[in-house]
Amino acid sequence: MEKISSINIPCLILCGHADKLTPVKYSQYLHDKIEISTLNIIKNAGHMVMLEKPEETNRFIEEFIEKI
């Protein structure tokens, strides 16, 4: 955990708003510690955001790749 802030490459953090296994607070923590990060919280999704909201997940990935 103490090394997270040493990550210095662009990172995309995706999280389902209703994720009970890894709640939003953990994604927010990563976002706060990784200087070059983008956090997207996907509404109406849990832990399996890629399966639950594939179009939205793909859109966030495409937007992230276009920015870097």
PDB file of N, CA and C in Angstrom:
ATOM      1  N   MET A   1       0.820  -1.190   0.000  1.00  0.00           N
ATOM      2  CA  MET A   1       0.000   0.000   0.000  1.00  0.00           C
ATOM      3  C   MET A   1       0.872   1.265   0.000  1.00  0.00           C
ATOM      4  N   GLU A   2       1.998   1.204   0.695  1.00  0.00           N
ATOM      5  CA  GLU A   2       2.844   2.390   0.774  1.00  0.00           C
ATOM      6  C   GLU A   2       3.530   2.721  -0.545  1.00  0.00           C
ATOM      7  N   LYS A   3       3.549   1.795  -1.496  1.00  0.00           N
ATOM      8  CA  LYS A   3       4.209   2.029  -2.779  1.00  0.00           C
ATOM      9  C   LYS A   3       3.253   2.523  -3.872  1.00  0.00           C
ATOM     10  N   ILE A   4       1.981   2.569  -3.586  1.00  0.00           N
ATOM     11  CA  ILE A   4       0.997   2.971  -4.599  1.00  0.00           C
ATOM     12  C   ILE A   4       1.309   4.352  -5.153  1.00  0.00           C
ATOM     13  N   SER A   5       1.690   5.268  -4.299  1.00  0.00           N
ATOM     14  CA  SER A   5       1.951   6.631  -4.765  1.00  0.00           C
ATOM     15  C   SER A   5       3.187   6.727  -5.660  1.00  0.00           C
ATOM     16  N   SER A   6       3.970   5.668  -5.740  1.00  0.00           N
ATOM     17  CA  SER A   6       5.138   5.671  -6.628  1.00  0.00           C
ATOM     18  C   SER A   6       4.773   5.288  -8.065  1.00  0.00           C
ATOM     19  N   ILE A   7       3.545   4.899  -8.296  1.00  0.00           N
ATOM     20  CA  ILE A   7       3.098   4.583  -9.659  1.00  0.00           C
ATOM     21  C   ILE A   7       3.057   5.895 -10.433  1.00  0.00           C
ATOM     22  N   ASN A   8       3.801   5.945 -11.544  1.00  0.00           N
ATOM     23  CA  ASN A   8       3.880   7.200 -12.289  1.00  0.00           C
ATOM     24  C   ASN A   8       3.565   7.017 -13.778  1.00  0.00           C
ATOM     25  N   ILE A   9       2.637   6.136 -14.047  1.00  0.00           N
ATOM     26  CA  ILE A   9       2.123   5.954 -15.403  1.00  0.00           C
ATOM     27  C   ILE A   9       0.615   6.170 -15.361  1.00  0.00           C
ATOM     28  N   PRO A  10       0.019   6.538 -16.493  1.00  0.00           N
ATOM     29  CA  PRO A  10      -1.433   6.733 -16.500  1.00  0.00           C
ATOM     30  C   PRO A  10      -2.173   5.438 -16.139  1.00  0.00           C
ATOM     31  N   CYS A  11      -3.136   5.563 -15.241  1.00  0.00           N
ATOM     32  CA  CYS A  11      -3.916   4.411 -14.790  1.00  0.00           C
ATOM     33  C   CYS A  11      -5.404   4.715 -14.900  1.00  0.00           C
ATOM     34  N   LEU A  12      -6.137   3.753 -15.401  1.00  0.00           N
ATOM     35  CA  LEU A  12      -7.594   3.846 -15.448  1.00  0.00           C
ATOM     36  C   LEU A  12      -8.149   2.986 -14.330  1.00  0.00           C
ATOM     37  N   ILE A  13      -8.979   3.583 -13.504  1.00  0.00           N
ATOM     38  CA  ILE A  13      -9.602   2.874 -12.393  1.00  0.00           C
ATOM     39  C   ILE A  13     -11.100   2.850 -12.655  1.00  0.00           C
ATOM     40  N   LEU A  14     -11.640   1.652 -12.831  1.00  0.00           N
ATOM     41  CA  LEU A  14     -13.079   1.472 -13.047  1.00  0.00           C
ATOM     42  C   LEU A  14     -13.664   0.752 -11.855  1.00  0.00           C
ATOM     43  N   CYS A  15     -14.832   1.194 -11.437  1.00  0.00           N
ATOM     44  CA  CYS A  15     -15.473   0.572 -10.283  1.00  0.00           C
ATOM     45  C   CYS A  15     -16.984   0.643 -10.446  1.00  0.00           C
ATOM     46  N   GLY A  16     -17.647  -0.437 -10.086  1.00  0.00           N
ATOM     47  CA  GLY A  16     -19.094  -0.430 -10.054  1.00  0.00           C
ATOM     48  C   GLY A  16     -19.583   0.257  -8.792  1.00  0.00           C
ATOM     49  N   HIS A  17     -20.551   1.120  -8.929  1.00  0.00           N
ATOM     50  CA  HIS A  17     -21.087   1.874  -7.789  1.00  0.00           C
ATOM     51  C   HIS A  17     -21.591   0.952  -6.681  1.00  0.00           C
ATOM     52  N   ALA A  18     -22.127  -0.206  -7.063  1.00  0.00           N
ATOM     53  CA  ALA A  18     -22.692  -1.144  -6.084  1.00  0.00           C
ATOM     54  C   ALA A  18     -21.753  -2.316  -5.790  1.00  0.00           C
ATOM     55  N   ASP A  19     -20.456  -2.148  -6.056  1.00  0.00           N
ATOM     56  CA  ASP A  19     -19.480  -3.221  -5.823  1.00  0.00           C
ATOM     57  C   ASP A  19     -19.316  -3.440  -4.320  1.00  0.00           C
ATOM     58  N   LYS A  20     -19.687  -4.631  -3.863  1.00  0.00           N
ATOM     59  CA  LYS A  20     -19.571  -4.946  -2.440  1.00  0.00           C
ATOM     60  C   LYS A  20     -18.244  -5.637  -2.121  1.00  0.00           C
ATOM     61  N   LEU A  21     -17.625  -6.275  -3.118  1.00  0.00           N
ATOM     62  CA  LEU A  21     -16.352  -6.958  -2.898  1.00  0.00           C
ATOM     63  C   LEU A  21     -15.198  -5.957  -2.781  1.00  0.00           C
ATOM     64  N   THR A  22     -15.169  -5.003  -3.696  1.00  0.00           N
ATOM     65  CA  THR A  22     -14.176  -3.914  -3.627  1.00  0.00           C
ATOM     66  C   THR A  22     -14.939  -2.600  -3.748  1.00  0.00           C
ATOM     67  N   PRO A  23     -15.428  -2.079  -2.646  1.00  0.00           N
ATOM     68  CA  PRO A  23     -16.255  -0.870  -2.660  1.00  0.00           C
ATOM     69  C   PRO A  23     -15.543   0.342  -3.267  1.00  0.00           C
ATOM     70  N   VAL A  24     -16.333   1.312  -3.624  1.00  0.00           N
ATOM     71  CA  VAL A  24     -15.846   2.537  -4.264  1.00  0.00           C
ATOM     72  C   VAL A  24     -14.735   3.191  -3.442  1.00  0.00           C
ATOM     73  N   LYS A  25     -14.789   3.098  -2.123  1.00  0.00           N
ATOM     74  CA  LYS A  25     -13.770   3.755  -1.300  1.00  0.00           C
ATOM     75  C   LYS A  25     -12.361   3.260  -1.621  1.00  0.00           C
ATOM     76  N   TYR A  26     -12.216   2.005  -2.047  1.00  0.00           N
ATOM     77  CA  TYR A  26     -10.901   1.484  -2.412  1.00  0.00           C
ATOM     78  C   TYR A  26     -10.431   2.064  -3.745  1.00  0.00           C
ATOM     79  N   SER A  27     -11.340   2.198  -4.682  1.00  0.00           N
ATOM     80  CA  SER A  27     -11.000   2.826  -5.959  1.00  0.00           C
ATOM     81  C   SER A  27     -10.667   4.290  -5.753  1.00  0.00           C
ATOM     82  N   GLN A  28     -11.398   4.958  -4.882  1.00  0.00           N
ATOM     83  CA  GLN A  28     -11.122   6.355  -4.585  1.00  0.00           C
ATOM     84  C   GLN A  28      -9.745   6.501  -3.935  1.00  0.00           C
ATOM     85  N   TYR A  29      -9.401   5.570  -3.069  1.00  0.00           N
ATOM     86  CA  TYR A  29      -8.076   5.577  -2.431  1.00  0.00           C
ATOM     87  C   TYR A  29      -6.983   5.483  -3.490  1.00  0.00           C
ATOM     88  N   LEU A  30      -7.124   4.537  -4.423  1.00  0.00           N
ATOM     89  CA  LEU A  30      -6.139   4.405  -5.502  1.00  0.00           C
ATOM     90  C   LEU A  30      -6.040   5.690  -6.299  1.00  0.00           C
ATOM     91  N   HIS A  31      -7.168   6.249  -6.636  1.00  0.00           N
ATOM     92  CA  HIS A  31      -7.200   7.491  -7.410  1.00  0.00           C
ATOM     93  C   HIS A  31      -6.505   8.631  -6.660  1.00  0.00           C
ATOM     94  N   ASP A  32      -6.724   8.703  -5.374  1.00  0.00           N
ATOM     95  CA  ASP A  32      -6.097   9.746  -4.563  1.00  0.00           C
ATOM     96  C   ASP A  32      -4.581   9.570  -4.473  1.00  0.00           C
ATOM     97  N   LYS A  33      -4.114   8.335  -4.497  1.00  0.00           N
ATOM     98  CA  LYS A  33      -2.684   8.053  -4.324  1.00  0.00           C
ATOM     99  C   LYS A  33      -1.902   8.018  -5.637  1.00  0.00           C
ATOM    100  N   ILE A  34      -2.565   7.709  -6.751  1.00  0.00           N
ATOM    101  CA  ILE A  34      -1.892   7.629  -8.048  1.00  0.00           C
ATOM    102  C   ILE A  34      -2.115   8.956  -8.761  1.00  0.00           C
ATOM    103  N   GLU A  35      -1.045   9.709  -8.921  1.00  0.00           N
ATOM    104  CA  GLU A  35      -1.159  11.067  -9.442  1.00  0.00           C
ATOM    105  C   GLU A  35      -1.767  11.113 -10.844  1.00  0.00           C
ATOM    106  N   ILE A  36      -1.363  10.206 -11.701  1.00  0.00           N
ATOM    107  CA  ILE A  36      -1.845  10.223 -13.093  1.00  0.00           C
ATOM    108  C   ILE A  36      -2.911   9.128 -13.242  1.00  0.00           C
ATOM    109  N   SER A  37      -4.054   9.345 -12.629  1.00  0.00           N
ATOM    110  CA  SER A  37      -5.114   8.341 -12.708  1.00  0.00           C
ATOM    111  C   SER A  37      -6.441   8.983 -13.072  1.00  0.00           C
ATOM    112  N   THR A  38      -7.277   8.158 -13.664  1.00  0.00           N
ATOM    113  CA  THR A  38      -8.639   8.535 -14.004  1.00  0.00           C
ATOM    114  C   THR A  38      -9.558   7.546 -13.309  1.00  0.00           C
ATOM    115  N   LEU A  39     -10.523   8.058 -12.587  1.00  0.00           N
ATOM    116  CA  LEU A  39     -11.488   7.208 -11.882  1.00  0.00           C
ATOM    117  C   LEU A  39     -12.851   7.356 -12.529  1.00  0.00           C
ATOM    118  N   ASN A  40     -13.431   6.229 -12.896  1.00  0.00           N
ATOM    119  CA  ASN A  40     -14.795   6.199 -13.409  1.00  0.00           C
ATOM    120  C   ASN A  40     -15.600   5.228 -12.559  1.00  0.00           C
ATOM    121  N   ILE A  41     -16.662   5.730 -11.972  1.00  0.00           N
ATOM    122  CA  ILE A  41     -17.566   4.901 -11.176  1.00  0.00           C
ATOM    123  C   ILE A  41     -18.802   4.652 -12.026  1.00  0.00           C
ATOM    124  N   ILE A  42     -19.073   3.388 -12.269  1.00  0.00           N
ATOM    125  CA  ILE A  42     -20.153   3.005 -13.170  1.00  0.00           C
ATOM    126  C   ILE A  42     -21.414   2.716 -12.354  1.00  0.00           C
ATOM    127  N   LYS A  43     -22.442   3.500 -12.615  1.00  0.00           N
ATOM    128  CA  LYS A  43     -23.706   3.349 -11.898  1.00  0.00           C
ATOM    129  C   LYS A  43     -24.413   2.063 -12.314  1.00  0.00           C
ATOM    130  N   ASN A  44     -25.226   1.554 -11.412  1.00  0.00           N
ATOM    131  CA  ASN A  44     -26.028   0.347 -11.644  1.00  0.00           C
ATOM    132  C   ASN A  44     -25.163  -0.847 -12.026  1.00  0.00           C
ATOM    133  N   ALA A  45     -23.975  -0.938 -11.413  1.00  0.00           N
ATOM    134  CA  ALA A  45     -23.076  -2.063 -11.646  1.00  0.00           C
ATOM    135  C   ALA A  45     -22.420  -2.452 -10.331  1.00  0.00           C
ATOM    136  N   GLY A  46     -22.088  -3.723 -10.227  1.00  0.00           N
ATOM    137  CA  GLY A  46     -21.393  -4.225  -9.049  1.00  0.00           C
ATOM    138  C   GLY A  46     -19.954  -4.554  -9.381  1.00  0.00           C
ATOM    139  N   HIS A  47     -19.492  -5.700  -8.902  1.00  0.00           N
ATOM    140  CA  HIS A  47     -18.102  -6.093  -9.058  1.00  0.00           C
ATOM    141  C   HIS A  47     -17.759  -6.506 -10.493  1.00  0.00           C
ATOM    142  N   MET A  48     -18.729  -6.915 -11.259  1.00  0.00           N
ATOM    143  CA  MET A  48     -18.484  -7.419 -12.619  1.00  0.00           C
ATOM    144  C   MET A  48     -18.864  -6.364 -13.661  1.00  0.00           C
ATOM    145  N   VAL A  49     -18.302  -5.174 -13.535  1.00  0.00           N
ATOM    146  CA  VAL A  49     -18.691  -4.071 -14.416  1.00  0.00           C
ATOM    147  C   VAL A  49     -18.520  -4.417 -15.894  1.00  0.00           C
ATOM    148  N   MET A  50     -17.496  -5.189 -16.226  1.00  0.00           N
ATOM    149  CA  MET A  50     -17.262  -5.529 -17.632  1.00  0.00           C
ATOM    150  C   MET A  50     -18.407  -6.353 -18.216  1.00  0.00           C
ATOM    151  N   LEU A  51     -19.036  -7.183 -17.384  1.00  0.00           N
ATOM    152  CA  LEU A  51     -20.165  -7.994 -17.837  1.00  0.00           C
ATOM    153  C   LEU A  51     -21.492  -7.264 -17.670  1.00  0.00           C
ATOM    154  N   GLU A  52     -21.603  -6.484 -16.614  1.00  0.00           N
ATOM    155  CA  GLU A  52     -22.851  -5.802 -16.311  1.00  0.00           C
ATOM    156  C   GLU A  52     -23.091  -4.586 -17.205  1.00  0.00           C
ATOM    157  N   LYS A  53     -22.027  -3.865 -17.517  1.00  0.00           N
ATOM    158  CA  LYS A  53     -22.122  -2.639 -18.315  1.00  0.00           C
ATOM    159  C   LYS A  53     -21.000  -2.602 -19.359  1.00  0.00           C
ATOM    160  N   PRO A  54     -21.008  -3.549 -20.312  1.00  0.00           N
ATOM    161  CA  PRO A  54     -19.891  -3.627 -21.266  1.00  0.00           C
ATOM    162  C   PRO A  54     -19.734  -2.397 -22.155  1.00  0.00           C
ATOM    163  N   GLU A  55     -20.829  -1.808 -22.592  1.00  0.00           N
ATOM    164  CA  GLU A  55     -20.725  -0.646 -23.471  1.00  0.00           C
ATOM    165  C   GLU A  55     -20.096   0.540 -22.740  1.00  0.00           C
ATOM    166  N   GLU A  56     -20.546   0.757 -21.514  1.00  0.00           N
ATOM    167  CA  GLU A  56     -20.019   1.864 -20.727  1.00  0.00           C
ATOM    168  C   GLU A  56     -18.547   1.621 -20.370  1.00  0.00           C
ATOM    169  N   THR A  57     -18.231   0.386 -20.005  1.00  0.00           N
ATOM    170  CA  THR A  57     -16.846   0.026 -19.702  1.00  0.00           C
ATOM    171  C   THR A  57     -15.958   0.279 -20.911  1.00  0.00           C
ATOM    172  N   ASN A  58     -16.383  -0.180 -22.075  1.00  0.00           N
ATOM    173  CA  ASN A  58     -15.596   0.008 -23.295  1.00  0.00           C
ATOM    174  C   ASN A  58     -15.435   1.487 -23.631  1.00  0.00           C
ATOM    175  N   ARG A  59     -16.466   2.266 -23.430  1.00  0.00           N
ATOM    176  CA  ARG A  59     -16.392   3.705 -23.710  1.00  0.00           C
ATOM    177  C   ARG A  59     -15.342   4.370 -22.822  1.00  0.00           C
ATOM    178  N   PHE A  60     -15.344   4.035 -21.526  1.00  0.00           N
ATOM    179  CA  PHE A  60     -14.350   4.614 -20.621  1.00  0.00           C
ATOM    180  C   PHE A  60     -12.933   4.189 -21.009  1.00  0.00           C
ATOM    181  N   ILE A  61     -12.769   2.938 -21.413  1.00  0.00           N
ATOM    182  CA  ILE A  61     -11.449   2.458 -21.839  1.00  0.00           C
ATOM    183  C   ILE A  61     -11.002   3.192 -23.097  1.00  0.00           C
ATOM    184  N   GLU A  62     -11.904   3.328 -24.067  1.00  0.00           N
ATOM    185  CA  GLU A  62     -11.560   4.033 -25.311  1.00  0.00           C
ATOM    186  C   GLU A  62     -11.190   5.489 -25.033  1.00  0.00           C
ATOM    187  N   GLU A  63     -11.967   6.174 -24.191  1.00  0.00           N
ATOM    188  CA  GLU A  63     -11.672   7.569 -23.841  1.00  0.00           C
ATOM    189  C   GLU A  63     -10.322   7.706 -23.167  1.00  0.00           C
ATOM    190  N   PHE A  64     -10.015   6.751 -22.289  1.00  0.00           N
ATOM    191  CA  PHE A  64      -8.736   6.780 -21.583  1.00  0.00           C
ATOM    192  C   PHE A  64      -7.570   6.592 -22.557  1.00  0.00           C
ATOM    193  N   ILE A  65      -7.702   5.632 -23.446  1.00  0.00           N
ATOM    194  CA  ILE A  65      -6.629   5.356 -24.412  1.00  0.00           C
ATOM    195  C   ILE A  65      -6.423   6.549 -25.330  1.00  0.00           C
ATOM    196  N   GLU A  66      -7.490   7.189 -25.732  1.00  0.00           N
ATOM    197  CA  GLU A  66      -7.376   8.354 -26.625  1.00  0.00           C
ATOM    198  C   GLU A  66      -6.642   9.509 -25.934  1.00  0.00           C
ATOM    199  N   LYS A  67      -6.743   9.619 -24.599  1.00  0.00           N
ATOM    200  CA  LYS A  67      -6.110  10.709 -23.880  1.00  0.00           C
ATOM    201  C   LYS A  67      -4.608  10.495 -23.657  1.00  0.00           C
ATOM    202  N   ILE A  68      -4.183   9.221 -23.602  1.00  0.00           N
ATOM    203  CA  ILE A  68      -2.765   8.985 -23.270  1.00  0.00           C
ATOM    204  C   ILE A  68      -1.872   8.971 -24.477  1.00  0.00           C
TER     205      ILE A  68
END
